[in-house]
Structure formats: C-alpha cells, structure tokens
Amino acid sequence: MEVIITETGWASHGDQNEPAATPKNARTYNYNLRKRLAKRKGTPLRPKMMLKAYIFALFNENSKPGASSEKNYGLFKADGSISYEIGFSGLKSSSAPSSLLSFKEFRAQALFGTYLSVFTISATVLLLLLRL
C-alpha cells in the first residue's frame, strides 16, 4: 500500500495560547520534512516504499476564521513574501527579481481565486522540493 501524507505543516504564528506556533518551529518542521522526503525512503517497516507528502499550505490565509495559527501555515504570506526559509533556494518572494511567475501577478489576473490553482502550485512546489 502506498503512503501519501495529504497535508502536513506547522503554523508560523499563533495567538498567545499557541506558543509553539513560531517561524523557527515552522522552519524546523518543514526543513526536516524536506530532508526526510529527499532520502526517498519509506517507513521503518517498509523502507523501500517511498513516502509522499503535501505541505500545508502554500499561502497563509488571512481571511480564514479561527485561531491565528489556522491562518499561518503557508510557506508564503498573503502578499507573496516568504513566511520563513526552509533551505530551498528556489523559493523567492514575489517582490524579489526573478524569472519565476510572480504570485502577485498571478493573483491580480484572477487565476489565483480557485483552490485548484493553489493545489496545482502546491504540488509543483512539492515536486521541486523532492528533486533536491
């Protein structure tokens, strides 16, 4: 049986009663996840079955109801800037000069409005992370 972790992540900001939701903890969690997946190994019981995971989420969700931590799982802030570094040189803020498609432009063109676009981008970022 193939194992796919459909959503995993760590909040980079939280309310006062959420002290573990920090950029340092989010960076550590996602950096270690990336290192683990890059090994292309499975679980101790099935070491030859490669794990797959989808980082939750690509963008912070300012309008999402609930605790602050629920709004701050993204690798990028809502304005397109990086929330925290995870050791992947391919991630750049949309304000940085780059030949990559700017997320601000993407959103401005109304292509960003659907969850399908977000999942497509998330999958692309994940594939780039796994290629390391």
N, C-alpha and C. Protein backbone atom coordinates (compact mmCIF):
# COMPACT_ATOMS: atom_id res chain seq x y z
N MET A 1 0.84 -1.16 0.00
CA MET A 1 0.00 0.00 0.00
C MET A 1 0.90 1.24 0.00
N GLU A 2 0.59 2.18 -0.85
CA GLU A 2 1.34 3.43 -0.93
C GLU A 2 0.89 4.37 0.19
N VAL A 3 1.85 5.05 0.81
CA VAL A 3 1.54 6.01 1.87
C VAL A 3 1.72 7.41 1.31
N ILE A 4 0.66 8.22 1.40
CA ILE A 4 0.72 9.62 0.98
C ILE A 4 0.18 10.45 2.14
N ILE A 5 1.01 11.36 2.61
CA ILE A 5 0.57 12.29 3.65
C ILE A 5 -0.05 13.46 2.92
N THR A 6 -1.36 13.63 3.04
CA THR A 6 -2.05 14.60 2.20
C THR A 6 -1.90 16.04 2.67
N GLU A 7 -1.71 16.26 3.93
CA GLU A 7 -1.47 17.62 4.43
C GLU A 7 -0.59 17.54 5.65
N THR A 8 0.49 18.30 5.65
CA THR A 8 1.33 18.39 6.84
C THR A 8 1.96 19.77 6.87
N GLY A 9 2.20 20.26 8.05
CA GLY A 9 2.80 21.58 8.18
C GLY A 9 2.85 22.01 9.62
N TRP A 10 3.32 23.23 9.83
CA TRP A 10 3.43 23.81 11.17
C TRP A 10 3.15 25.29 11.05
N ALA A 11 2.32 25.80 11.92
CA ALA A 11 1.96 27.22 11.89
C ALA A 11 3.15 28.09 12.26
N SER A 12 3.34 29.20 11.55
CA SER A 12 4.45 30.11 11.82
C SER A 12 4.07 31.25 12.76
N HIS A 13 2.81 31.35 13.10
CA HIS A 13 2.35 32.41 14.01
C HIS A 13 1.07 31.92 14.67
N GLY A 14 0.89 32.30 15.92
CA GLY A 14 -0.31 31.90 16.64
C GLY A 14 -0.69 32.92 17.70
N ASP A 15 -1.79 32.65 18.36
CA ASP A 15 -2.25 33.50 19.46
C ASP A 15 -1.37 33.26 20.68
N GLN A 16 -1.60 34.03 21.75
CA GLN A 16 -0.80 33.90 22.97
C GLN A 16 -0.87 32.49 23.56
N ASN A 17 -1.99 31.81 23.39
CA ASN A 17 -2.13 30.45 23.93
C ASN A 17 -1.60 29.38 22.97
N GLU A 18 -0.89 29.79 21.92
CA GLU A 18 -0.29 28.88 20.94
C GLU A 18 1.22 29.17 20.83
N PRO A 19 1.96 28.97 21.91
CA PRO A 19 3.37 29.38 21.93
C PRO A 19 4.27 28.60 20.97
N ALA A 20 3.87 27.43 20.54
CA ALA A 20 4.71 26.63 19.63
C ALA A 20 4.58 27.08 18.17
N ALA A 21 3.60 27.93 17.88
CA ALA A 21 3.40 28.41 16.51
C ALA A 21 4.34 29.59 16.26
N THR A 22 5.58 29.26 15.87
CA THR A 22 6.60 30.28 15.64
C THR A 22 7.27 30.03 14.29
N PRO A 23 7.86 31.06 13.70
CA PRO A 23 8.59 30.84 12.45
C PRO A 23 9.73 29.83 12.61
N LYS A 24 10.40 29.86 13.75
CA LYS A 24 11.51 28.92 13.98
C LYS A 24 11.01 27.47 13.98
N ASN A 25 9.91 27.20 14.68
CA ASN A 25 9.36 25.84 14.71
C ASN A 25 8.84 25.41 13.35
N ALA A 26 8.16 26.32 12.64
CA ALA A 26 7.65 26.00 11.30
C ALA A 26 8.80 25.71 10.35
N ARG A 27 9.86 26.52 10.42
CA ARG A 27 11.04 26.32 9.58
C ARG A 27 11.67 24.96 9.89
N THR A 28 11.85 24.65 11.16
CA THR A 28 12.45 23.38 11.56
C THR A 28 11.62 22.20 11.08
N TYR A 29 10.30 22.26 11.28
CA TYR A 29 9.42 21.17 10.88
C TYR A 29 9.50 20.93 9.37
N ASN A 30 9.31 21.98 8.58
CA ASN A 30 9.29 21.81 7.13
C ASN A 30 10.66 21.50 6.55
N TYR A 31 11.71 22.04 7.14
CA TYR A 31 13.06 21.72 6.69
C TYR A 31 13.35 20.24 6.92
N ASN A 32 13.01 19.75 8.10
CA ASN A 32 13.24 18.33 8.42
C ASN A 32 12.35 17.41 7.58
N LEU A 33 11.13 17.84 7.30
CA LEU A 33 10.26 17.07 6.41
C LEU A 33 10.89 16.97 5.03
N ARG A 34 11.38 18.09 4.53
CA ARG A 34 12.02 18.11 3.22
C ARG A 34 13.23 17.18 3.19
N LYS A 35 14.06 17.23 4.23
CA LYS A 35 15.23 16.34 4.31
C LYS A 35 14.80 14.88 4.33
N ARG A 36 13.74 14.58 5.08
CA ARG A 36 13.25 13.20 5.20
C ARG A 36 12.73 12.69 3.85
N LEU A 37 11.97 13.51 3.16
CA LEU A 37 11.43 13.10 1.87
C LEU A 37 12.52 12.98 0.81
N ALA A 38 13.55 13.80 0.91
CA ALA A 38 14.65 13.76 -0.06
C ALA A 38 15.42 12.44 0.01
N LYS A 39 15.36 11.76 1.14
CA LYS A 39 16.03 10.47 1.27
C LYS A 39 15.35 9.39 0.44
N ARG A 40 14.11 9.65 0.04
CA ARG A 40 13.34 8.72 -0.79
C ARG A 40 13.24 7.33 -0.16
N LYS A 41 13.01 7.33 1.14
CA LYS A 41 12.83 6.08 1.88
C LYS A 41 11.46 6.08 2.52
N GLY A 42 11.01 4.91 2.84
CA GLY A 42 9.70 4.76 3.46
C GLY A 42 9.79 4.73 4.97
N THR A 43 8.86 4.02 5.54
CA THR A 43 8.80 3.86 7.00
C THR A 43 9.76 2.77 7.43
N PRO A 44 10.06 2.66 8.73
CA PRO A 44 10.94 1.56 9.17
C PRO A 44 10.40 0.18 8.80
N LEU A 45 9.10 0.02 8.80
CA LEU A 45 8.52 -1.27 8.44
C LEU A 45 8.59 -1.54 6.93
N ARG A 46 8.49 -0.50 6.13
CA ARG A 46 8.54 -0.62 4.67
C ARG A 46 9.52 0.41 4.10
N PRO A 47 10.81 0.19 4.28
CA PRO A 47 11.81 1.18 3.88
C PRO A 47 11.92 1.43 2.38
N LYS A 48 11.44 0.49 1.57
CA LYS A 48 11.54 0.67 0.12
C LYS A 48 10.32 1.35 -0.49
N MET A 49 9.29 1.61 0.32
CA MET A 49 8.08 2.30 -0.16
C MET A 49 8.25 3.79 0.12
N MET A 50 8.55 4.56 -0.92
CA MET A 50 8.81 5.98 -0.76
C MET A 50 7.58 6.72 -0.24
N LEU A 51 7.80 7.61 0.73
CA LEU A 51 6.72 8.45 1.24
C LEU A 51 6.49 9.64 0.33
N LYS A 52 5.26 10.10 0.29
CA LYS A 52 4.91 11.33 -0.42
C LYS A 52 4.17 12.21 0.57
N ALA A 53 4.38 13.52 0.47
CA ALA A 53 3.70 14.45 1.38
C ALA A 53 3.41 15.75 0.64
N TYR A 54 2.35 16.40 1.05
CA TYR A 54 1.96 17.69 0.51
C TYR A 54 2.01 18.70 1.65
N ILE A 55 2.83 19.72 1.50
CA ILE A 55 2.97 20.73 2.54
C ILE A 55 1.70 21.57 2.59
N PHE A 56 1.20 21.75 3.79
CA PHE A 56 0.04 22.60 4.02
C PHE A 56 0.55 23.84 4.70
N ALA A 57 0.44 24.89 4.10
CA ALA A 57 -0.14 25.27 2.83
C ALA A 57 0.87 26.14 2.09
N LEU A 58 0.58 26.46 0.87
CA LEU A 58 1.48 27.31 0.11
C LEU A 58 1.40 28.75 0.61
N PHE A 59 0.18 29.23 0.86
CA PHE A 59 -0.02 30.62 1.29
C PHE A 59 -0.72 30.67 2.64
N ASN A 60 -0.39 31.67 3.45
CA ASN A 60 -1.18 31.98 4.64
C ASN A 60 -2.56 32.43 4.19
N GLU A 61 -3.55 32.21 5.03
CA GLU A 61 -4.93 32.55 4.69
C GLU A 61 -5.46 33.58 5.69
N ASN A 62 -5.26 34.85 5.37
CA ASN A 62 -5.67 35.94 6.28
C ASN A 62 -7.15 35.94 6.61
N SER A 63 -7.98 35.52 5.69
CA SER A 63 -9.44 35.58 5.88
C SER A 63 -10.03 34.33 6.52
N LYS A 64 -9.21 33.34 6.78
CA LYS A 64 -9.71 32.09 7.36
C LYS A 64 -10.16 32.34 8.80
N PRO A 65 -11.33 31.83 9.18
CA PRO A 65 -11.79 32.03 10.57
C PRO A 65 -11.00 31.14 11.53
N GLY A 66 -11.06 31.50 12.80
CA GLY A 66 -10.43 30.67 13.82
C GLY A 66 -9.19 31.29 14.40
N ALA A 67 -8.42 30.46 15.08
CA ALA A 67 -7.21 30.90 15.76
C ALA A 67 -6.18 31.40 14.75
N SER A 68 -5.26 32.24 15.23
CA SER A 68 -4.21 32.78 14.35
C SER A 68 -3.39 31.68 13.71
N SER A 69 -3.15 30.60 14.45
CA SER A 69 -2.34 29.51 13.88
C SER A 69 -3.00 28.93 12.63
N GLU A 70 -4.32 28.87 12.60
CA GLU A 70 -5.03 28.33 11.43
C GLU A 70 -4.82 29.17 10.18
N LYS A 71 -4.45 30.42 10.35
CA LYS A 71 -4.25 31.33 9.23
C LYS A 71 -2.80 31.38 8.75
N ASN A 72 -1.89 30.73 9.47
CA ASN A 72 -0.47 30.94 9.24
C ASN A 72 0.32 29.65 9.00
N TYR A 73 -0.17 28.79 8.12
CA TYR A 73 0.54 27.57 7.77
C TYR A 73 1.34 27.72 6.47
N GLY A 74 1.19 28.83 5.77
CA GLY A 74 1.77 28.98 4.45
C GLY A 74 3.27 29.18 4.42
N LEU A 75 3.90 28.68 3.34
CA LEU A 75 5.30 28.98 3.08
C LEU A 75 5.44 30.44 2.67
N PHE A 76 4.36 30.99 2.08
CA PHE A 76 4.34 32.39 1.68
C PHE A 76 3.25 33.12 2.44
N LYS A 77 3.47 34.40 2.70
CA LYS A 77 2.45 35.25 3.28
C LYS A 77 1.44 35.60 2.19
N ALA A 78 0.32 36.16 2.57
CA ALA A 78 -0.72 36.51 1.60
C ALA A 78 -0.23 37.53 0.57
N ASP A 79 0.76 38.36 0.93
CA ASP A 79 1.28 39.37 0.00
C ASP A 79 2.34 38.81 -0.96
N GLY A 80 2.65 37.51 -0.84
CA GLY A 80 3.61 36.88 -1.74
C GLY A 80 5.02 36.80 -1.19
N SER A 81 5.29 37.43 -0.04
CA SER A 81 6.63 37.35 0.55
C SER A 81 6.77 36.01 1.30
N ILE A 82 8.00 35.59 1.50
CA ILE A 82 8.27 34.31 2.15
C ILE A 82 7.97 34.41 3.64
N SER A 83 7.25 33.43 4.18
CA SER A 83 6.95 33.41 5.61
C SER A 83 8.19 33.07 6.42
N TYR A 84 8.96 32.09 5.97
CA TYR A 84 10.19 31.66 6.63
C TYR A 84 10.96 30.79 5.65
N GLU A 85 12.26 30.75 5.80
CA GLU A 85 13.12 29.96 4.91
C GLU A 85 13.10 28.49 5.34
N ILE A 86 13.11 27.60 4.36
CA ILE A 86 13.22 26.16 4.67
C ILE A 86 14.44 25.55 3.99
N GLY A 87 15.37 26.39 3.57
CA GLY A 87 16.60 25.89 2.98
C GLY A 87 16.46 25.50 1.53
N PHE A 88 15.48 26.04 0.85
CA PHE A 88 15.27 25.74 -0.57
C PHE A 88 15.48 27.01 -1.37
N SER A 89 16.57 27.06 -2.10
CA SER A 89 16.95 28.29 -2.80
C SER A 89 15.97 28.68 -3.91
N GLY A 90 15.11 27.77 -4.35
CA GLY A 90 14.16 28.07 -5.41
C GLY A 90 12.99 28.92 -4.96
N LEU A 91 12.76 29.01 -3.64
CA LEU A 91 11.65 29.84 -3.14
C LEU A 91 12.10 31.28 -3.03
N LYS A 92 11.40 32.16 -3.70
CA LYS A 92 11.73 33.59 -3.67
C LYS A 92 10.45 34.37 -3.44
N SER A 93 10.57 35.48 -2.71
CA SER A 93 9.42 36.36 -2.54
C SER A 93 9.00 36.90 -3.89
N SER A 94 7.73 37.19 -4.04
CA SER A 94 7.28 37.74 -5.32
C SER A 94 7.84 39.13 -5.55
N SER A 95 8.34 39.78 -4.51
CA SER A 95 8.93 41.10 -4.67
C SER A 95 10.38 41.01 -5.14
N ALA A 96 10.98 39.81 -5.06
CA ALA A 96 12.36 39.63 -5.50
C ALA A 96 12.42 39.55 -7.01
N PRO A 97 13.47 40.11 -7.63
CA PRO A 97 13.59 39.99 -9.08
C PRO A 97 13.80 38.53 -9.45
N SER A 98 12.98 38.04 -10.36
CA SER A 98 13.04 36.64 -10.72
C SER A 98 12.38 36.42 -12.06
N SER A 99 12.79 35.35 -12.72
CA SER A 99 12.12 34.97 -13.96
C SER A 99 10.90 34.10 -13.66
N LEU A 100 10.71 33.72 -12.37
CA LEU A 100 9.55 32.94 -12.00
C LEU A 100 8.30 33.81 -12.05
N LEU A 101 7.16 33.20 -12.28
CA LEU A 101 5.89 33.92 -12.30
C LEU A 101 5.63 34.52 -10.93
N SER A 102 5.37 35.80 -10.87
CA SER A 102 5.09 36.48 -9.61
C SER A 102 3.73 36.06 -9.10
N PHE A 103 3.66 35.72 -7.81
CA PHE A 103 2.39 35.34 -7.22
C PHE A 103 1.44 36.53 -7.15
N LYS A 104 1.98 37.74 -7.02
CA LYS A 104 1.13 38.93 -7.04
C LYS A 104 0.46 39.07 -8.41
N GLU A 105 1.24 38.86 -9.48
CA GLU A 105 0.66 38.92 -10.83
C GLU A 105 -0.37 37.82 -11.00
N PHE A 106 -0.06 36.65 -10.51
CA PHE A 106 -0.97 35.51 -10.60
C PHE A 106 -2.31 35.86 -9.97
N ARG A 107 -2.27 36.41 -8.78
CA ARG A 107 -3.49 36.77 -8.07
C ARG A 107 -4.20 37.91 -8.78
N ALA A 108 -3.45 38.88 -9.27
CA ALA A 108 -4.04 40.04 -9.93
C ALA A 108 -4.80 39.64 -11.19
N GLN A 109 -4.39 38.58 -11.83
CA GLN A 109 -5.05 38.12 -13.05
C GLN A 109 -6.27 37.26 -12.75
N ALA A 110 -6.61 37.13 -11.47
CA ALA A 110 -7.79 36.36 -11.03
C ALA A 110 -7.65 34.87 -11.32
N LEU A 111 -6.42 34.43 -11.56
CA LEU A 111 -6.20 32.99 -11.74
C LEU A 111 -5.98 32.31 -10.41
N PHE A 112 -5.76 33.10 -9.40
CA PHE A 112 -5.42 32.57 -8.09
C PHE A 112 -6.64 32.23 -7.26
N GLY A 113 -7.82 32.61 -7.71
CA GLY A 113 -9.01 32.52 -6.89
C GLY A 113 -9.55 31.15 -6.59
N THR A 114 -9.11 30.11 -7.26
CA THR A 114 -9.69 28.80 -7.01
C THR A 114 -8.74 27.91 -6.23
N TYR A 115 -9.29 26.98 -5.48
CA TYR A 115 -8.46 26.03 -4.73
C TYR A 115 -7.66 25.15 -5.68
N LEU A 116 -8.20 24.90 -6.86
CA LEU A 116 -7.48 24.07 -7.81
C LEU A 116 -6.13 24.68 -8.15
N SER A 117 -6.09 26.00 -8.34
CA SER A 117 -4.82 26.67 -8.62
C SER A 117 -3.85 26.51 -7.47
N VAL A 118 -4.34 26.66 -6.25
CA VAL A 118 -3.48 26.53 -5.08
C VAL A 118 -2.92 25.12 -4.99
N PHE A 119 -3.75 24.11 -5.20
CA PHE A 119 -3.27 22.74 -5.13
C PHE A 119 -2.28 22.44 -6.25
N THR A 120 -2.50 23.01 -7.43
CA THR A 120 -1.57 22.81 -8.53
C THR A 120 -0.21 23.42 -8.19
N ILE A 121 -0.23 24.63 -7.65
CA ILE A 121 1.01 25.28 -7.27
C ILE A 121 1.69 24.51 -6.15
N SER A 122 0.90 24.06 -5.16
CA SER A 122 1.47 23.31 -4.04
C SER A 122 2.15 22.04 -4.54
N ALA A 123 1.50 21.35 -5.45
CA ALA A 123 2.08 20.12 -5.99
C ALA A 123 3.38 20.42 -6.74
N THR A 124 3.41 21.53 -7.49
CA THR A 124 4.61 21.91 -8.22
C THR A 124 5.75 22.22 -7.26
N VAL A 125 5.47 22.99 -6.21
CA VAL A 125 6.49 23.30 -5.22
C VAL A 125 6.99 22.03 -4.56
N LEU A 126 6.07 21.12 -4.22
CA LEU A 126 6.47 19.86 -3.59
C LEU A 126 7.38 19.06 -4.52
N LEU A 127 7.03 18.99 -5.79
CA LEU A 127 7.87 18.25 -6.74
C LEU A 127 9.26 18.89 -6.84
N LEU A 128 9.32 20.21 -6.83
CA LEU A 128 10.61 20.89 -6.84
C LEU A 128 11.41 20.57 -5.58
N LEU A 129 10.73 20.53 -4.44
CA LEU A 129 11.41 20.21 -3.19
C LEU A 129 11.95 18.78 -3.21
N LEU A 130 11.19 17.86 -3.79
CA LEU A 130 11.59 16.46 -3.80
C LEU A 130 12.74 16.19 -4.78
N ARG A 131 12.95 17.08 -5.74
CA ARG A 131 14.00 16.86 -6.72
C ARG A 131 15.39 17.11 -6.13
N LEU A 132 15.44 17.73 -4.95
CA LEU A 132 16.75 18.03 -4.34
C LEU A 132 17.51 16.80 -3.97
